[in-house]
Amino acid sequence: MKIGICTDSGSGITPEEGRELGIKVVPMPFRMGEEEYFEDINMSRKEFFQ
């Protein structure tokens, strides 16, 4: 049996850390006004916190 670990990007685990640890990090969607974004895909964490 194979077991995988998956979390969303709200966990604070970066995609790079996830790759190193063997954890699949799924981007969390969020809305700002009428626009929908996915963390680390179409808006970086740095941009989000600005």
PDB file of N, CA and C in Angstrom:
ATOM      1  N   MET A   1       0.840  -1.171   0.000  1.00  0.00           N
ATOM      2  CA  MET A   1       0.000   0.000   0.000  1.00  0.00           C
ATOM      3  C   MET A   1       0.889   1.240   0.000  1.00  0.00           C
ATOM      4  N   LYS A   2       0.524   2.196  -0.841  1.00  0.00           N
ATOM      5  CA  LYS A   2       1.259   3.455  -0.913  1.00  0.00           C
ATOM      6  C   LYS A   2       0.418   4.544  -0.258  1.00  0.00           C
ATOM      7  N   ILE A   3       1.054   5.375   0.560  1.00  0.00           N
ATOM      8  CA  ILE A   3       0.367   6.461   1.252  1.00  0.00           C
ATOM      9  C   ILE A   3       0.990   7.776   0.804  1.00  0.00           C
ATOM     10  N   GLY A   4       0.142   8.773   0.542  1.00  0.00           N
ATOM     11  CA  GLY A   4       0.610  10.103   0.165  1.00  0.00           C
ATOM     12  C   GLY A   4       0.123  11.131   1.165  1.00  0.00           C
ATOM     13  N   ILE A   5       0.874  12.195   1.288  1.00  0.00           N
ATOM     14  CA  ILE A   5       0.492  13.295   2.169  1.00  0.00           C
ATOM     15  C   ILE A   5       0.219  14.510   1.298  1.00  0.00           C
ATOM     16  N   CYS A   6      -0.906  15.151   1.560  1.00  0.00           N
ATOM     17  CA  CYS A   6      -1.338  16.312   0.788  1.00  0.00           C
ATOM     18  C   CYS A   6      -1.842  17.377   1.762  1.00  0.00           C
ATOM     19  N   THR A   7      -1.539  18.631   1.468  1.00  0.00           N
ATOM     20  CA  THR A   7      -2.025  19.745   2.274  1.00  0.00           C
ATOM     21  C   THR A   7      -2.315  20.917   1.345  1.00  0.00           C
ATOM     22  N   ASP A   8      -3.021  21.921   1.848  1.00  0.00           N
ATOM     23  CA  ASP A   8      -3.216  23.110   1.021  1.00  0.00           C
ATOM     24  C   ASP A   8      -2.149  24.144   1.370  1.00  0.00           C
ATOM     25  N   SER A   9      -2.044  25.160   0.535  1.00  0.00           N
ATOM     26  CA  SER A   9      -0.990  26.155   0.704  1.00  0.00           C
ATOM     27  C   SER A   9      -1.156  26.989   1.970  1.00  0.00           C
ATOM     28  N   GLY A  10      -2.307  26.922   2.611  1.00  0.00           N
ATOM     29  CA  GLY A  10      -2.519  27.619   3.874  1.00  0.00           C
ATOM     30  C   GLY A  10      -1.721  27.022   5.022  1.00  0.00           C
ATOM     31  N   SER A  11      -1.130  25.850   4.798  1.00  0.00           N
ATOM     32  CA  SER A  11      -0.343  25.194   5.844  1.00  0.00           C
ATOM     33  C   SER A  11       0.969  25.916   6.119  1.00  0.00           C
ATOM     34  N   GLY A  12       1.377  26.760   5.178  1.00  0.00           N
ATOM     35  CA  GLY A  12       2.659  27.442   5.346  1.00  0.00           C
ATOM     36  C   GLY A  12       3.822  26.680   4.743  1.00  0.00           C
ATOM     37  N   ILE A  13       3.568  25.480   4.227  1.00  0.00           N
ATOM     38  CA  ILE A  13       4.613  24.704   3.556  1.00  0.00           C
ATOM     39  C   ILE A  13       4.715  25.216   2.123  1.00  0.00           C
ATOM     40  N   THR A  14       5.889  25.673   1.737  1.00  0.00           N
ATOM     41  CA  THR A  14       6.072  26.176   0.376  1.00  0.00           C
ATOM     42  C   THR A  14       6.132  25.001  -0.599  1.00  0.00           C
ATOM     43  N   PRO A  15       5.881  25.255  -1.882  1.00  0.00           N
ATOM     44  CA  PRO A  15       6.003  24.169  -2.864  1.00  0.00           C
ATOM     45  C   PRO A  15       7.393  23.522  -2.843  1.00  0.00           C
ATOM     46  N   GLU A  16       8.432  24.327  -2.638  1.00  0.00           N
ATOM     47  CA  GLU A  16       9.793  23.796  -2.578  1.00  0.00           C
ATOM     48  C   GLU A  16       9.967  22.862  -1.379  1.00  0.00           C
ATOM     49  N   GLU A  17       9.468  23.285  -0.211  1.00  0.00           N
ATOM     50  CA  GLU A  17       9.551  22.439   0.988  1.00  0.00           C
ATOM     51  C   GLU A  17       8.755  21.157   0.782  1.00  0.00           C
ATOM     52  N   GLY A  18       7.589  21.283   0.157  1.00  0.00           N
ATOM     53  CA  GLY A  18       6.765  20.111  -0.116  1.00  0.00           C
ATOM     54  C   GLY A  18       7.500  19.096  -0.968  1.00  0.00           C
ATOM     55  N   ARG A  19       8.180  19.567  -2.013  1.00  0.00           N
ATOM     56  CA  ARG A  19       8.944  18.650  -2.873  1.00  0.00           C
ATOM     57  C   ARG A  19      10.029  17.942  -2.072  1.00  0.00           C
ATOM     58  N   GLU A  20      10.742  18.700  -1.233  1.00  0.00           N
ATOM     59  CA  GLU A  20      11.807  18.115  -0.415  1.00  0.00           C
ATOM     60  C   GLU A  20      11.268  17.072   0.557  1.00  0.00           C
ATOM     61  N   LEU A  21      10.066  17.312   1.103  1.00  0.00           N
ATOM     62  CA  LEU A  21       9.482  16.428   2.116  1.00  0.00           C
ATOM     63  C   LEU A  21       8.575  15.350   1.533  1.00  0.00           C
ATOM     64  N   GLY A  22       8.329  15.407   0.222  1.00  0.00           N
ATOM     65  CA  GLY A  22       7.431  14.435  -0.399  1.00  0.00           C
ATOM     66  C   GLY A  22       5.966  14.710  -0.098  1.00  0.00           C
ATOM     67  N   ILE A  23       5.622  15.980   0.119  1.00  0.00           N
ATOM     68  CA  ILE A  23       4.247  16.386   0.434  1.00  0.00           C
ATOM     69  C   ILE A  23       3.685  17.160  -0.754  1.00  0.00           C
ATOM     70  N   LYS A  24       2.499  16.782  -1.219  1.00  0.00           N
ATOM     71  CA  LYS A  24       1.824  17.504  -2.298  1.00  0.00           C
ATOM     72  C   LYS A  24       1.144  18.726  -1.696  1.00  0.00           C
ATOM     73  N   VAL A  25       1.512  19.920  -2.167  1.00  0.00           N
ATOM     74  CA  VAL A  25       0.915  21.167  -1.681  1.00  0.00           C
ATOM     75  C   VAL A  25      -0.043  21.682  -2.758  1.00  0.00           C
ATOM     76  N   VAL A  26      -1.327  21.744  -2.425  1.00  0.00           N
ATOM     77  CA  VAL A  26      -2.365  22.183  -3.351  1.00  0.00           C
ATOM     78  C   VAL A  26      -2.625  23.676  -3.127  1.00  0.00           C
ATOM     79  N   PRO A  27      -2.601  24.484  -4.186  1.00  0.00           N
ATOM     80  CA  PRO A  27      -2.843  25.919  -4.023  1.00  0.00           C
ATOM     81  C   PRO A  27      -4.247  26.201  -3.493  1.00  0.00           C
ATOM     82  N   MET A  28      -4.329  27.057  -2.486  1.00  0.00           N
ATOM     83  CA  MET A  28      -5.625  27.429  -1.913  1.00  0.00           C
ATOM     84  C   MET A  28      -6.206  28.603  -2.696  1.00  0.00           C
ATOM     85  N   PRO A  29      -7.447  28.474  -3.166  1.00  0.00           N
ATOM     86  CA  PRO A  29      -8.060  29.605  -3.859  1.00  0.00           C
ATOM     87  C   PRO A  29      -8.539  30.659  -2.857  1.00  0.00           C
ATOM     88  N   PHE A  30      -8.487  31.915  -3.262  1.00  0.00           N
ATOM     89  CA  PHE A  30      -9.044  32.994  -2.450  1.00  0.00           C
ATOM     90  C   PHE A  30      -9.545  34.081  -3.387  1.00  0.00           C
ATOM     91  N   ARG A  31     -10.450  34.886  -2.875  1.00  0.00           N
ATOM     92  CA  ARG A  31     -11.049  35.957  -3.682  1.00  0.00           C
ATOM     93  C   ARG A  31     -10.683  37.317  -3.110  1.00  0.00           C
ATOM     94  N   MET A  32     -10.437  38.253  -4.015  1.00  0.00           N
ATOM     95  CA  MET A  32     -10.238  39.659  -3.659  1.00  0.00           C
ATOM     96  C   MET A  32     -11.162  40.425  -4.591  1.00  0.00           C
ATOM     97  N   GLY A  33     -12.249  40.927  -4.035  1.00  0.00           N
ATOM     98  CA  GLY A  33     -13.267  41.554  -4.873  1.00  0.00           C
ATOM     99  C   GLY A  33     -13.921  40.493  -5.735  1.00  0.00           C
ATOM    100  N   GLU A  34     -13.935  40.700  -7.026  1.00  0.00           N
ATOM    101  CA  GLU A  34     -14.529  39.743  -7.958  1.00  0.00           C
ATOM    102  C   GLU A  34     -13.500  38.779  -8.540  1.00  0.00           C
ATOM    103  N   GLU A  35     -12.232  38.985  -8.230  1.00  0.00           N
ATOM    104  CA  GLU A  35     -11.162  38.171  -8.803  1.00  0.00           C
ATOM    105  C   GLU A  35     -10.848  36.971  -7.920  1.00  0.00           C
ATOM    106  N   GLU A  36     -10.605  35.829  -8.547  1.00  0.00           N
ATOM    107  CA  GLU A  36     -10.197  34.629  -7.820  1.00  0.00           C
ATOM    108  C   GLU A  36      -8.725  34.354  -8.121  1.00  0.00           C
ATOM    109  N   TYR A  37      -7.972  34.057  -7.086  1.00  0.00           N
ATOM    110  CA  TYR A  37      -6.546  33.790  -7.201  1.00  0.00           C
ATOM    111  C   TYR A  37      -6.237  32.442  -6.563  1.00  0.00           C
ATOM    112  N   PHE A  38      -5.091  31.892  -6.941  1.00  0.00           N
ATOM    113  CA  PHE A  38      -4.589  30.674  -6.328  1.00  0.00           C
ATOM    114  C   PHE A  38      -3.195  30.978  -5.800  1.00  0.00           C
ATOM    115  N   GLU A  39      -3.017  30.742  -4.510  1.00  0.00           N
ATOM    116  CA  GLU A  39      -1.756  31.077  -3.862  1.00  0.00           C
ATOM    117  C   GLU A  39      -0.582  30.415  -4.574  1.00  0.00           C
ATOM    118  N   ASP A  40       0.434  31.210  -4.850  1.00  0.00           N
ATOM    119  CA  ASP A  40       1.673  30.793  -5.513  1.00  0.00           C
ATOM    120  C   ASP A  40       1.497  30.413  -6.978  1.00  0.00           C
ATOM    121  N   ILE A  41       0.301  30.634  -7.560  1.00  0.00           N
ATOM    122  CA  ILE A  41       0.124  30.391  -8.996  1.00  0.00           C
ATOM    123  C   ILE A  41      -0.049  31.721  -9.711  1.00  0.00           C
ATOM    124  N   ASN A  42      -1.133  32.445  -9.422  1.00  0.00           N
ATOM    125  CA  ASN A  42      -1.302  33.738 -10.076  1.00  0.00           C
ATOM    126  C   ASN A  42      -1.176  34.911  -9.102  1.00  0.00           C
ATOM    127  N   MET A  43      -0.738  34.627  -7.869  1.00  0.00           N
ATOM    128  CA  MET A  43      -0.363  35.682  -6.924  1.00  0.00           C
ATOM    129  C   MET A  43       0.589  35.065  -5.904  1.00  0.00           C
ATOM    130  N   SER A  44       1.753  35.679  -5.775  1.00  0.00           N
ATOM    131  CA  SER A  44       2.738  35.155  -4.826  1.00  0.00           C
ATOM    132  C   SER A  44       2.351  35.531  -3.396  1.00  0.00           C
ATOM    133  N   ARG A  45       2.957  34.875  -2.439  1.00  0.00           N
ATOM    134  CA  ARG A  45       2.715  35.217  -1.028  1.00  0.00           C
ATOM    135  C   ARG A  45       3.139  36.653  -0.752  1.00  0.00           C
ATOM    136  N   LYS A  46       4.259  37.047  -1.349  1.00  0.00           N
ATOM    137  CA  LYS A  46       4.757  38.414  -1.154  1.00  0.00           C
ATOM    138  C   LYS A  46       3.733  39.427  -1.666  1.00  0.00           C
ATOM    139  N   GLU A  47       3.189  39.192  -2.865  1.00  0.00           N
ATOM    140  CA  GLU A  47       2.174  40.093  -3.417  1.00  0.00           C
ATOM    141  C   GLU A  47       0.925  40.117  -2.537  1.00  0.00           C
ATOM    142  N   PHE A  48       0.521  38.955  -2.033  1.00  0.00           N
ATOM    143  CA  PHE A  48      -0.669  38.865  -1.192  1.00  0.00           C
ATOM    144  C   PHE A  48      -0.528  39.735   0.051  1.00  0.00           C
ATOM    145  N   PHE A  49       0.627  39.680   0.711  1.00  0.00           N
ATOM    146  CA  PHE A  49       0.812  40.403   1.965  1.00  0.00           C
ATOM    147  C   PHE A  49       1.117  41.884   1.769  1.00  0.00           C
ATOM    148  N   GLN A  50       1.344  42.319   0.526  1.00  0.00           N
ATOM    149  CA  GLN A  50       1.524  43.752   0.269  1.00  0.00           C
ATOM    150  C   GLN A  50       0.166  44.361   0.264  1.00  0.00           C
TER     151      GLN A  50
END
